[in-house]
Amino acid sequence: MKRLIQLLFLCLFCGLGLLAQEKQAQEARLLGIPLGITKAEFEKRLNAIAPRAIYSEQEKCYINTPSVSGIKTSSIFVEYARNKTLSYVVIFEKETSEDMLLSSFSDLKDLLVQKYGEPDHENEEYDSESLYNESDAEKSRAIASGSGEVAARWYVGKTNIGIMAPRGHSRITMAYIDRELMELSDEDRLKDL
């Protein structure tokens, strides 16, 4: 019996390890486009799905696309480092009703959970302890007025993915950042100091 229990725990442990490896092996993509590709390849792939959507500068790019996963966007920014895509930052449309901010955040988070699993880190913070027990509408108004914020983060392969409803805003932001390229970019900037 003792051996059976040990074998069961060993199988469970190995299974959890395989799930963690699967998450690490998964490639994070926004609009079906991975990070870390060259600027030219990125623009080619984006042009195939959204022609005339790009305004590009040397180190940054602005994408004019109406939605991501059916959620209206205000804008999408792409940052480059070493001529490769370093990050995608999506700013979603401002909520028409401040009461819906937390609900919209939860909907986006649920989509990311379906794709990448539970977040590796979550944060919900309010200036008043009493707000933790309030309705989502009250919490949403607190975030919009600057008295709270919510965030979630995933580590998927070499990519950090984060969503946030920041203090004082009635909109949600989402970012995908290539960790390896960010470290190289930081090294490049430190050389100048």
N, C-alpha and C. Protein backbone atom coordinates (compact mmCIF):
# COMPACT_ATOMS: atom_id res chain seq x y z
N MET A 1 0.83 -1.20 0.00
CA MET A 1 0.00 0.00 0.00
C MET A 1 0.87 1.27 0.00
N LYS A 2 1.92 1.23 0.83
CA LYS A 2 2.82 2.38 0.91
C LYS A 2 3.48 2.63 -0.45
N ARG A 3 3.88 1.57 -1.13
CA ARG A 3 4.50 1.68 -2.44
C ARG A 3 3.52 2.24 -3.47
N LEU A 4 2.26 1.86 -3.37
CA LEU A 4 1.24 2.36 -4.27
C LEU A 4 1.05 3.87 -4.10
N ILE A 5 1.06 4.32 -2.86
CA ILE A 5 0.91 5.75 -2.57
C ILE A 5 2.12 6.50 -3.11
N GLN A 6 3.33 5.93 -2.92
CA GLN A 6 4.54 6.58 -3.43
C GLN A 6 4.48 6.67 -4.96
N LEU A 7 4.04 5.60 -5.60
CA LEU A 7 3.92 5.58 -7.05
C LEU A 7 2.91 6.61 -7.53
N LEU A 8 1.80 6.74 -6.80
CA LEU A 8 0.77 7.71 -7.14
C LEU A 8 1.31 9.14 -7.05
N PHE A 9 2.05 9.44 -5.97
CA PHE A 9 2.65 10.78 -5.82
C PHE A 9 3.69 11.04 -6.90
N LEU A 10 4.46 10.03 -7.26
CA LEU A 10 5.45 10.18 -8.32
C LEU A 10 4.78 10.51 -9.65
N CYS A 11 3.70 9.81 -9.96
CA CYS A 11 2.95 10.08 -11.20
C CYS A 11 2.36 11.49 -11.19
N LEU A 12 1.81 11.88 -10.05
CA LEU A 12 1.24 13.22 -9.92
C LEU A 12 2.32 14.29 -10.11
N PHE A 13 3.48 14.09 -9.47
CA PHE A 13 4.58 15.03 -9.57
C PHE A 13 5.07 15.15 -11.02
N CYS A 14 5.24 14.02 -11.68
CA CYS A 14 5.68 14.03 -13.09
C CYS A 14 4.64 14.71 -13.99
N GLY A 15 3.37 14.46 -13.72
CA GLY A 15 2.31 15.08 -14.50
C GLY A 15 2.30 16.58 -14.36
N LEU A 16 2.50 17.07 -13.13
CA LEU A 16 2.56 18.52 -12.92
C LEU A 16 3.77 19.12 -13.62
N GLY A 17 4.90 18.39 -13.61
CA GLY A 17 6.09 18.86 -14.30
C GLY A 17 5.86 18.96 -15.80
N LEU A 18 5.16 18.00 -16.37
CA LEU A 18 4.85 18.04 -17.81
C LEU A 18 3.95 19.21 -18.14
N LEU A 19 2.97 19.51 -17.26
CA LEU A 19 2.10 20.66 -17.50
C LEU A 19 2.89 21.95 -17.48
N ALA A 20 3.84 22.07 -16.54
CA ALA A 20 4.66 23.28 -16.47
C ALA A 20 5.53 23.41 -17.72
N GLN A 21 6.09 22.27 -18.20
CA GLN A 21 6.90 22.32 -19.41
C GLN A 21 6.06 22.71 -20.62
N GLU A 22 4.81 22.22 -20.68
CA GLU A 22 3.93 22.55 -21.80
C GLU A 22 3.68 24.05 -21.85
N LYS A 23 3.47 24.68 -20.68
CA LYS A 23 3.24 26.11 -20.64
C LYS A 23 4.50 26.86 -21.09
N GLN A 24 5.68 26.35 -20.68
CA GLN A 24 6.92 27.00 -21.06
C GLN A 24 7.17 26.87 -22.56
N ALA A 25 6.77 25.75 -23.15
CA ALA A 25 7.01 25.52 -24.57
C ALA A 25 6.04 26.28 -25.46
N GLN A 26 4.91 26.69 -24.90
CA GLN A 26 3.90 27.39 -25.68
C GLN A 26 4.44 28.76 -26.11
N GLU A 27 4.12 29.16 -27.32
CA GLU A 27 4.57 30.45 -27.83
C GLU A 27 3.44 31.45 -27.74
N ALA A 28 3.70 32.57 -27.08
CA ALA A 28 2.70 33.61 -26.94
C ALA A 28 2.63 34.42 -28.23
N ARG A 29 1.43 34.71 -28.69
CA ARG A 29 1.22 35.48 -29.91
C ARG A 29 0.12 36.50 -29.70
N LEU A 30 0.25 37.64 -30.36
CA LEU A 30 -0.81 38.63 -30.39
C LEU A 30 -1.18 38.81 -31.86
N LEU A 31 -2.45 38.72 -32.17
CA LEU A 31 -2.94 38.76 -33.55
C LEU A 31 -2.30 37.65 -34.38
N GLY A 32 -1.91 36.56 -33.70
CA GLY A 32 -1.28 35.44 -34.40
C GLY A 32 0.18 35.66 -34.74
N ILE A 33 0.77 36.74 -34.24
CA ILE A 33 2.15 37.08 -34.58
C ILE A 33 3.03 36.98 -33.32
N PRO A 34 4.10 36.17 -33.37
CA PRO A 34 4.97 36.03 -32.19
C PRO A 34 5.89 37.22 -32.01
N LEU A 35 6.43 37.36 -30.83
CA LEU A 35 7.48 38.35 -30.56
C LEU A 35 8.81 37.81 -31.06
N GLY A 36 9.81 38.69 -31.14
CA GLY A 36 11.16 38.27 -31.47
C GLY A 36 11.45 38.11 -32.95
N ILE A 37 10.48 38.42 -33.80
CA ILE A 37 10.74 38.34 -35.24
C ILE A 37 11.23 39.71 -35.73
N THR A 38 11.83 39.73 -36.91
CA THR A 38 12.37 40.99 -37.42
C THR A 38 11.24 41.98 -37.70
N LYS A 39 11.61 43.24 -37.74
CA LYS A 39 10.65 44.30 -38.03
C LYS A 39 10.00 44.07 -39.39
N ALA A 40 10.80 43.70 -40.38
CA ALA A 40 10.26 43.47 -41.73
C ALA A 40 9.28 42.29 -41.73
N GLU A 41 9.62 41.21 -41.04
CA GLU A 41 8.73 40.04 -40.98
C GLU A 41 7.44 40.39 -40.25
N PHE A 42 7.55 41.15 -39.16
CA PHE A 42 6.37 41.57 -38.42
C PHE A 42 5.44 42.38 -39.32
N GLU A 43 5.98 43.38 -40.00
CA GLU A 43 5.16 44.24 -40.86
C GLU A 43 4.53 43.44 -42.00
N LYS A 44 5.27 42.47 -42.53
CA LYS A 44 4.73 41.61 -43.59
C LYS A 44 3.54 40.80 -43.07
N ARG A 45 3.70 40.18 -41.89
CA ARG A 45 2.61 39.37 -41.32
C ARG A 45 1.40 40.22 -40.95
N LEU A 46 1.66 41.39 -40.39
CA LEU A 46 0.55 42.27 -40.01
C LEU A 46 -0.17 42.77 -41.25
N ASN A 47 0.57 43.13 -42.27
CA ASN A 47 -0.04 43.63 -43.50
C ASN A 47 -0.95 42.58 -44.15
N ALA A 48 -0.63 41.30 -43.93
CA ALA A 48 -1.47 40.23 -44.48
C ALA A 48 -2.82 40.15 -43.79
N ILE A 49 -2.88 40.53 -42.50
CA ILE A 49 -4.16 40.45 -41.77
C ILE A 49 -4.85 41.80 -41.61
N ALA A 50 -4.08 42.89 -41.68
CA ALA A 50 -4.67 44.23 -41.50
C ALA A 50 -3.93 45.23 -42.38
N PRO A 51 -4.20 45.23 -43.68
CA PRO A 51 -3.52 46.16 -44.59
C PRO A 51 -3.72 47.62 -44.16
N ARG A 52 -2.71 48.40 -44.36
CA ARG A 52 -2.73 49.84 -44.05
C ARG A 52 -2.96 50.13 -42.58
N ALA A 53 -2.58 49.22 -41.71
CA ALA A 53 -2.81 49.42 -40.29
C ALA A 53 -1.58 49.96 -39.58
N ILE A 54 -0.46 50.12 -40.29
CA ILE A 54 0.81 50.41 -39.63
C ILE A 54 1.26 51.85 -39.84
N TYR A 55 1.68 52.48 -38.75
CA TYR A 55 2.45 53.71 -38.80
C TYR A 55 3.74 53.37 -38.08
N SER A 56 4.87 53.39 -38.77
CA SER A 56 6.10 52.88 -38.20
C SER A 56 7.16 53.96 -38.07
N GLU A 57 7.89 53.89 -36.97
CA GLU A 57 9.06 54.73 -36.74
C GLU A 57 10.25 53.79 -36.58
N GLN A 58 11.41 54.35 -36.27
CA GLN A 58 12.62 53.55 -36.13
C GLN A 58 12.48 52.50 -35.02
N GLU A 59 12.07 52.91 -33.83
CA GLU A 59 12.03 52.01 -32.67
C GLU A 59 10.63 51.59 -32.24
N LYS A 60 9.61 52.21 -32.85
CA LYS A 60 8.24 51.92 -32.42
C LYS A 60 7.32 51.84 -33.63
N CYS A 61 6.15 51.26 -33.40
CA CYS A 61 5.16 51.11 -34.45
C CYS A 61 3.78 51.27 -33.83
N TYR A 62 2.91 51.93 -34.50
CA TYR A 62 1.53 52.10 -34.06
C TYR A 62 0.64 51.30 -35.00
N ILE A 63 -0.25 50.48 -34.44
CA ILE A 63 -1.14 49.67 -35.26
C ILE A 63 -2.56 50.17 -35.07
N ASN A 64 -3.22 50.42 -36.17
CA ASN A 64 -4.61 50.85 -36.13
C ASN A 64 -5.49 49.65 -36.47
N THR A 65 -5.93 48.93 -35.45
CA THR A 65 -6.82 47.79 -35.66
C THR A 65 -8.00 47.94 -34.70
N PRO A 66 -9.21 47.67 -35.14
CA PRO A 66 -10.39 47.96 -34.32
C PRO A 66 -10.57 47.07 -33.10
N SER A 67 -9.99 45.84 -33.11
CA SER A 67 -10.22 44.97 -31.96
C SER A 67 -9.17 43.87 -31.86
N VAL A 68 -9.08 43.33 -30.66
CA VAL A 68 -8.28 42.14 -30.38
C VAL A 68 -9.20 41.19 -29.65
N SER A 69 -9.37 40.00 -30.19
CA SER A 69 -10.27 38.99 -29.62
C SER A 69 -11.68 39.52 -29.41
N GLY A 70 -12.12 40.39 -30.32
CA GLY A 70 -13.47 40.92 -30.27
C GLY A 70 -13.65 42.07 -29.28
N ILE A 71 -12.58 42.50 -28.64
CA ILE A 71 -12.65 43.62 -27.68
C ILE A 71 -12.08 44.85 -28.37
N LYS A 72 -12.84 45.94 -28.38
CA LYS A 72 -12.42 47.16 -29.08
C LYS A 72 -11.13 47.73 -28.50
N THR A 73 -10.21 48.08 -29.40
CA THR A 73 -8.95 48.67 -28.97
C THR A 73 -8.92 50.15 -29.28
N SER A 74 -8.19 50.89 -28.46
CA SER A 74 -7.93 52.29 -28.72
C SER A 74 -6.67 52.37 -29.59
N SER A 75 -5.65 51.60 -29.21
CA SER A 75 -4.41 51.56 -30.00
C SER A 75 -3.55 50.38 -29.57
N ILE A 76 -2.65 50.02 -30.47
CA ILE A 76 -1.66 48.97 -30.20
C ILE A 76 -0.32 49.55 -30.58
N PHE A 77 0.65 49.42 -29.68
CA PHE A 77 2.00 49.89 -29.94
C PHE A 77 2.94 48.69 -29.96
N VAL A 78 3.90 48.75 -30.86
CA VAL A 78 4.92 47.71 -30.96
C VAL A 78 6.26 48.40 -30.75
N GLU A 79 7.09 47.81 -29.90
CA GLU A 79 8.43 48.36 -29.69
C GLU A 79 9.45 47.36 -30.20
N TYR A 80 10.51 47.90 -30.82
CA TYR A 80 11.56 47.08 -31.39
C TYR A 80 12.85 47.25 -30.59
N ALA A 81 13.65 46.20 -30.55
CA ALA A 81 15.00 46.26 -30.01
C ALA A 81 15.85 45.34 -30.87
N ARG A 82 17.01 45.83 -31.27
CA ARG A 82 17.89 45.05 -32.15
C ARG A 82 17.17 44.61 -33.42
N ASN A 83 16.29 45.47 -33.91
CA ASN A 83 15.51 45.24 -35.13
C ASN A 83 14.54 44.06 -35.02
N LYS A 84 14.16 43.71 -33.81
CA LYS A 84 13.19 42.64 -33.60
C LYS A 84 12.07 43.16 -32.72
N THR A 85 10.90 42.49 -32.80
CA THR A 85 9.77 42.92 -31.99
C THR A 85 10.02 42.57 -30.53
N LEU A 86 10.08 43.59 -29.70
CA LEU A 86 10.35 43.45 -28.27
C LEU A 86 9.06 43.33 -27.48
N SER A 87 8.07 44.19 -27.82
CA SER A 87 6.84 44.18 -27.03
C SER A 87 5.65 44.65 -27.85
N TYR A 88 4.48 44.19 -27.41
CA TYR A 88 3.19 44.66 -27.92
C TYR A 88 2.45 45.23 -26.72
N VAL A 89 1.92 46.43 -26.85
CA VAL A 89 1.10 47.02 -25.80
C VAL A 89 -0.24 47.39 -26.41
N VAL A 90 -1.29 46.81 -25.86
CA VAL A 90 -2.65 47.05 -26.36
C VAL A 90 -3.36 47.93 -25.34
N ILE A 91 -3.94 49.02 -25.80
CA ILE A 91 -4.77 49.87 -24.95
C ILE A 91 -6.19 49.72 -25.46
N PHE A 92 -7.03 49.17 -24.62
CA PHE A 92 -8.41 48.93 -25.02
C PHE A 92 -9.23 50.20 -24.86
N GLU A 93 -10.34 50.26 -25.58
CA GLU A 93 -11.25 51.42 -25.52
C GLU A 93 -11.65 51.70 -24.08
N LYS A 94 -11.85 52.97 -23.80
CA LYS A 94 -12.34 53.38 -22.48
C LYS A 94 -13.73 52.81 -22.28
N GLU A 95 -13.98 52.30 -21.09
CA GLU A 95 -15.30 51.75 -20.79
C GLU A 95 -16.35 52.85 -20.83
N THR A 96 -17.48 52.58 -21.45
CA THR A 96 -18.55 53.57 -21.51
C THR A 96 -19.18 53.74 -20.13
N SER A 97 -19.12 52.71 -19.32
CA SER A 97 -19.61 52.79 -17.95
C SER A 97 -18.49 52.35 -17.01
N GLU A 98 -18.10 53.24 -16.10
CA GLU A 98 -17.05 52.89 -15.14
C GLU A 98 -17.40 51.63 -14.37
N ASP A 99 -18.68 51.36 -14.16
CA ASP A 99 -19.12 50.19 -13.40
C ASP A 99 -18.70 48.88 -14.06
N MET A 100 -18.42 48.90 -15.35
CA MET A 100 -18.12 47.68 -16.10
C MET A 100 -16.63 47.37 -16.20
N LEU A 101 -15.76 48.22 -15.66
CA LEU A 101 -14.33 48.05 -15.81
C LEU A 101 -13.84 46.70 -15.29
N LEU A 102 -14.20 46.33 -14.08
CA LEU A 102 -13.75 45.07 -13.50
C LEU A 102 -14.34 43.87 -14.25
N SER A 103 -15.56 44.00 -14.72
CA SER A 103 -16.17 42.93 -15.50
C SER A 103 -15.42 42.72 -16.82
N SER A 104 -15.07 43.80 -17.49
CA SER A 104 -14.31 43.71 -18.74
C SER A 104 -12.92 43.12 -18.49
N PHE A 105 -12.29 43.53 -17.39
CA PHE A 105 -10.99 42.98 -17.01
C PHE A 105 -11.11 41.47 -16.81
N SER A 106 -12.14 41.04 -16.10
CA SER A 106 -12.35 39.60 -15.85
C SER A 106 -12.59 38.83 -17.14
N ASP A 107 -13.34 39.43 -18.08
CA ASP A 107 -13.59 38.77 -19.37
C ASP A 107 -12.29 38.56 -20.14
N LEU A 108 -11.44 39.58 -20.17
CA LEU A 108 -10.16 39.46 -20.86
C LEU A 108 -9.26 38.45 -20.16
N LYS A 109 -9.25 38.51 -18.85
CA LYS A 109 -8.45 37.56 -18.07
C LYS A 109 -8.91 36.13 -18.35
N ASP A 110 -10.21 35.90 -18.42
CA ASP A 110 -10.74 34.56 -18.71
C ASP A 110 -10.27 34.05 -20.07
N LEU A 111 -10.22 34.95 -21.07
CA LEU A 111 -9.72 34.55 -22.39
C LEU A 111 -8.25 34.13 -22.31
N LEU A 112 -7.46 34.89 -21.56
CA LEU A 112 -6.05 34.55 -21.41
C LEU A 112 -5.86 33.26 -20.61
N VAL A 113 -6.71 33.04 -19.62
CA VAL A 113 -6.66 31.79 -18.85
C VAL A 113 -6.96 30.60 -19.76
N GLN A 114 -7.95 30.74 -20.64
CA GLN A 114 -8.26 29.66 -21.58
C GLN A 114 -7.06 29.32 -22.45
N LYS A 115 -6.30 30.33 -22.84
CA LYS A 115 -5.17 30.10 -23.74
C LYS A 115 -3.89 29.71 -23.00
N TYR A 116 -3.60 30.37 -21.87
CA TYR A 116 -2.30 30.19 -21.22
C TYR A 116 -2.37 29.57 -19.82
N GLY A 117 -3.57 29.28 -19.32
CA GLY A 117 -3.69 28.74 -17.97
C GLY A 117 -3.81 29.85 -16.94
N GLU A 118 -3.85 29.46 -15.69
CA GLU A 118 -4.00 30.44 -14.61
C GLU A 118 -2.80 31.38 -14.58
N PRO A 119 -3.01 32.65 -14.20
CA PRO A 119 -1.89 33.59 -14.15
C PRO A 119 -0.86 33.17 -13.10
N ASP A 120 0.38 33.54 -13.34
CA ASP A 120 1.45 33.25 -12.39
C ASP A 120 1.46 34.25 -11.25
N HIS A 121 0.86 35.40 -11.48
CA HIS A 121 0.80 36.43 -10.44
C HIS A 121 -0.46 37.26 -10.64
N GLU A 122 -1.16 37.54 -9.54
CA GLU A 122 -2.35 38.41 -9.59
C GLU A 122 -2.25 39.44 -8.49
N ASN A 123 -2.80 40.61 -8.74
CA ASN A 123 -2.79 41.67 -7.75
C ASN A 123 -4.11 42.44 -7.82
N GLU A 124 -4.73 42.62 -6.68
CA GLU A 124 -5.93 43.45 -6.56
C GLU A 124 -5.69 44.32 -5.34
N GLU A 125 -5.66 45.63 -5.55
CA GLU A 125 -5.27 46.55 -4.48
C GLU A 125 -6.19 47.76 -4.43
N TYR A 126 -6.67 48.04 -3.24
CA TYR A 126 -7.56 49.20 -3.03
C TYR A 126 -7.06 50.00 -1.84
N ASP A 127 -7.28 51.31 -1.87
CA ASP A 127 -6.82 52.18 -0.80
C ASP A 127 -7.61 51.98 0.49
N SER A 128 -8.84 51.53 0.38
CA SER A 128 -9.68 51.31 1.55
C SER A 128 -9.95 49.82 1.72
N GLU A 129 -9.73 49.30 2.90
CA GLU A 129 -9.98 47.89 3.18
C GLU A 129 -11.44 47.51 2.90
N SER A 130 -12.35 48.43 3.10
CA SER A 130 -13.77 48.12 2.92
C SER A 130 -14.12 47.81 1.46
N LEU A 131 -13.31 48.31 0.52
CA LEU A 131 -13.60 48.08 -0.90
C LEU A 131 -13.45 46.61 -1.31
N TYR A 132 -12.63 45.84 -0.58
CA TYR A 132 -12.44 44.44 -0.93
C TYR A 132 -13.74 43.64 -0.83
N ASN A 133 -14.66 44.11 -0.03
CA ASN A 133 -15.94 43.42 0.16
C ASN A 133 -17.07 44.02 -0.66
N GLU A 134 -16.78 45.03 -1.43
CA GLU A 134 -17.81 45.72 -2.21
C GLU A 134 -18.10 44.98 -3.53
N SER A 135 -19.11 45.46 -4.22
CA SER A 135 -19.49 44.88 -5.52
C SER A 135 -18.44 45.23 -6.57
N ASP A 136 -18.47 44.52 -7.69
CA ASP A 136 -17.56 44.81 -8.80
C ASP A 136 -17.76 46.24 -9.31
N ALA A 137 -19.00 46.73 -9.30
CA ALA A 137 -19.27 48.09 -9.76
C ALA A 137 -18.56 49.11 -8.85
N GLU A 138 -18.63 48.89 -7.53
CA GLU A 138 -17.96 49.80 -6.59
C GLU A 138 -16.44 49.75 -6.78
N LYS A 139 -15.92 48.52 -6.95
CA LYS A 139 -14.48 48.37 -7.17
C LYS A 139 -14.07 49.05 -8.48
N SER A 140 -14.89 48.91 -9.52
CA SER A 140 -14.60 49.54 -10.81
C SER A 140 -14.54 51.05 -10.68
N ARG A 141 -15.49 51.62 -9.96
CA ARG A 141 -15.48 53.08 -9.74
C ARG A 141 -14.25 53.50 -8.94
N ALA A 142 -13.84 52.67 -7.99
CA ALA A 142 -12.65 52.98 -7.19
C ALA A 142 -11.40 52.99 -8.08
N ILE A 143 -11.29 52.03 -8.98
CA ILE A 143 -10.15 51.98 -9.89
C ILE A 143 -10.15 53.21 -10.79
N ALA A 144 -11.29 53.53 -11.37
CA ALA A 144 -11.40 54.68 -12.28
C ALA A 144 -11.07 56.00 -11.57
N SER A 145 -11.39 56.08 -10.29
CA SER A 145 -11.13 57.32 -9.55
C SER A 145 -9.72 57.37 -8.96
N GLY A 146 -8.95 56.30 -9.11
CA GLY A 146 -7.58 56.30 -8.62
C GLY A 146 -7.39 55.65 -7.27
N SER A 147 -8.39 54.96 -6.77
CA SER A 147 -8.30 54.36 -5.44
C SER A 147 -8.07 52.84 -5.47
N GLY A 148 -7.70 52.32 -6.62
CA GLY A 148 -7.44 50.88 -6.70
C GLY A 148 -6.90 50.50 -8.06
N GLU A 149 -6.47 49.24 -8.18
CA GLU A 149 -6.01 48.69 -9.45
C GLU A 149 -6.05 47.17 -9.38
N VAL A 150 -6.13 46.56 -10.54
CA VAL A 150 -6.06 45.10 -10.63
C VAL A 150 -5.09 44.75 -11.76
N ALA A 151 -4.42 43.61 -11.59
CA ALA A 151 -3.45 43.18 -12.60
C ALA A 151 -3.29 41.66 -12.54
N ALA A 152 -2.86 41.09 -13.64
CA ALA A 152 -2.54 39.66 -13.70
C ALA A 152 -1.38 39.49 -14.68
N ARG A 153 -0.51 38.50 -14.39
CA ARG A 153 0.67 38.29 -15.24
C ARG A 153 0.90 36.80 -15.46
N TRP A 154 1.29 36.49 -16.69
CA TRP A 154 1.62 35.12 -17.09
C TRP A 154 3.05 35.11 -17.60
N TYR A 155 3.75 34.00 -17.35
CA TYR A 155 5.07 33.75 -17.93
C TYR A 155 4.89 32.59 -18.90
N VAL A 156 4.94 32.88 -20.18
CA VAL A 156 4.69 31.87 -21.21
C VAL A 156 5.94 31.77 -22.08
N GLY A 157 6.65 30.65 -21.97
CA GLY A 157 7.90 30.53 -22.71
C GLY A 157 8.83 31.65 -22.34
N LYS A 158 9.28 32.42 -23.32
CA LYS A 158 10.18 33.55 -23.06
C LYS A 158 9.42 34.89 -23.01
N THR A 159 8.10 34.81 -22.87
CA THR A 159 7.26 36.01 -22.92
C THR A 159 6.55 36.27 -21.59
N ASN A 160 6.56 37.52 -21.18
CA ASN A 160 5.71 37.98 -20.07
C ASN A 160 4.44 38.55 -20.69
N ILE A 161 3.30 38.16 -20.18
CA ILE A 161 2.03 38.72 -20.63
C ILE A 161 1.36 39.33 -19.39
N GLY A 162 0.92 40.56 -19.51
CA GLY A 162 0.27 41.20 -18.38
C GLY A 162 -0.95 41.98 -18.81
N ILE A 163 -1.96 41.99 -17.94
CA ILE A 163 -3.12 42.86 -18.15
C ILE A 163 -3.31 43.67 -16.88
N MET A 164 -3.83 44.88 -17.07
CA MET A 164 -3.97 45.77 -15.93
C MET A 164 -5.09 46.77 -16.14
N ALA A 165 -5.83 47.03 -15.07
CA ALA A 165 -6.74 48.16 -15.02
C ALA A 165 -6.09 49.12 -14.02
N PRO A 166 -5.29 50.09 -14.53
CA PRO A 166 -4.50 50.94 -13.65
C PRO A 166 -5.32 52.01 -12.93
N ARG A 167 -4.76 52.48 -11.85
CA ARG A 167 -5.39 53.54 -11.05
C ARG A 167 -5.70 54.77 -11.91
N GLY A 168 -6.89 55.31 -11.71
CA GLY A 168 -7.26 56.56 -12.36
C GLY A 168 -7.62 56.45 -13.83
N HIS A 169 -7.86 55.23 -14.31
CA HIS A 169 -8.21 55.04 -15.72
C HIS A 169 -9.43 54.13 -15.84
N SER A 170 -10.22 54.37 -16.86
CA SER A 170 -11.39 53.54 -17.13
C SER A 170 -11.12 52.65 -18.34
N ARG A 171 -9.90 52.19 -18.45
CA ARG A 171 -9.54 51.31 -19.56
C ARG A 171 -8.54 50.27 -19.10
N ILE A 172 -8.42 49.23 -19.91
CA ILE A 172 -7.54 48.11 -19.60
C ILE A 172 -6.37 48.14 -20.58
N THR A 173 -5.19 47.81 -20.10
CA THR A 173 -4.03 47.67 -20.97
C THR A 173 -3.53 46.23 -20.89
N MET A 174 -2.92 45.79 -21.97
CA MET A 174 -2.35 44.44 -22.03
C MET A 174 -1.00 44.56 -22.71
N ALA A 175 -0.01 43.83 -22.19
CA ALA A 175 1.33 43.87 -22.79
C ALA A 175 1.90 42.47 -22.92
N TYR A 176 2.60 42.26 -24.03
CA TYR A 176 3.39 41.06 -24.28
C TYR A 176 4.83 41.54 -24.40
N ILE A 177 5.75 40.97 -23.62
CA ILE A 177 7.15 41.41 -23.66
C ILE A 177 8.06 40.20 -23.77
N ASP A 178 8.98 40.24 -24.72
CA ASP A 178 9.97 39.18 -24.89
C ASP A 178 11.07 39.39 -23.83
N ARG A 179 11.13 38.51 -22.83
CA ARG A 179 12.08 38.67 -21.71
C ARG A 179 13.54 38.63 -22.18
N GLU A 180 13.87 37.69 -23.06
CA GLU A 180 15.25 37.55 -23.51
C GLU A 180 15.71 38.80 -24.27
N LEU A 181 14.86 39.29 -25.15
CA LEU A 181 15.20 40.48 -25.92
C LEU A 181 15.25 41.72 -25.02
N MET A 182 14.41 41.76 -24.00
CA MET A 182 14.42 42.88 -23.05
C MET A 182 15.76 42.92 -22.31
N GLU A 183 16.27 41.76 -21.91
CA GLU A 183 17.56 41.72 -21.23
C GLU A 183 18.68 42.21 -22.14
N LEU A 184 18.66 41.81 -23.40
CA LEU A 184 19.67 42.27 -24.36
C LEU A 184 19.54 43.78 -24.59
N SER A 185 18.31 44.27 -24.67
CA SER A 185 18.08 45.70 -24.85
C SER A 185 18.59 46.48 -23.64
N ASP A 186 18.35 45.94 -22.43
CA ASP A 186 18.86 46.59 -21.22
C ASP A 186 20.38 46.63 -21.22
N GLU A 187 21.02 45.54 -21.66
CA GLU A 187 22.48 45.50 -21.75
C GLU A 187 22.98 46.58 -22.70
N ASP A 188 22.30 46.75 -23.84
CA ASP A 188 22.68 47.77 -24.82
C ASP A 188 22.60 49.15 -24.19
N ARG A 189 21.56 49.42 -23.43
CA ARG A 189 21.40 50.74 -22.81
C ARG A 189 22.44 50.99 -21.72
N LEU A 190 22.81 49.92 -21.00
CA LEU A 190 23.81 50.07 -19.93
C LEU A 190 25.19 50.39 -20.48
N LYS A 191 25.47 49.97 -21.70
CA LYS A 191 26.77 50.25 -22.31
C LYS A 191 27.00 51.74 -22.46
N ASP A 192 25.94 52.51 -22.57
CA ASP A 192 26.06 53.96 -22.75
C ASP A 192 26.35 54.69 -21.44
N LEU A 193 26.19 54.02 -20.31
CA LEU A 193 26.40 54.69 -19.03
C LEU A 193 27.83 54.63 -18.55
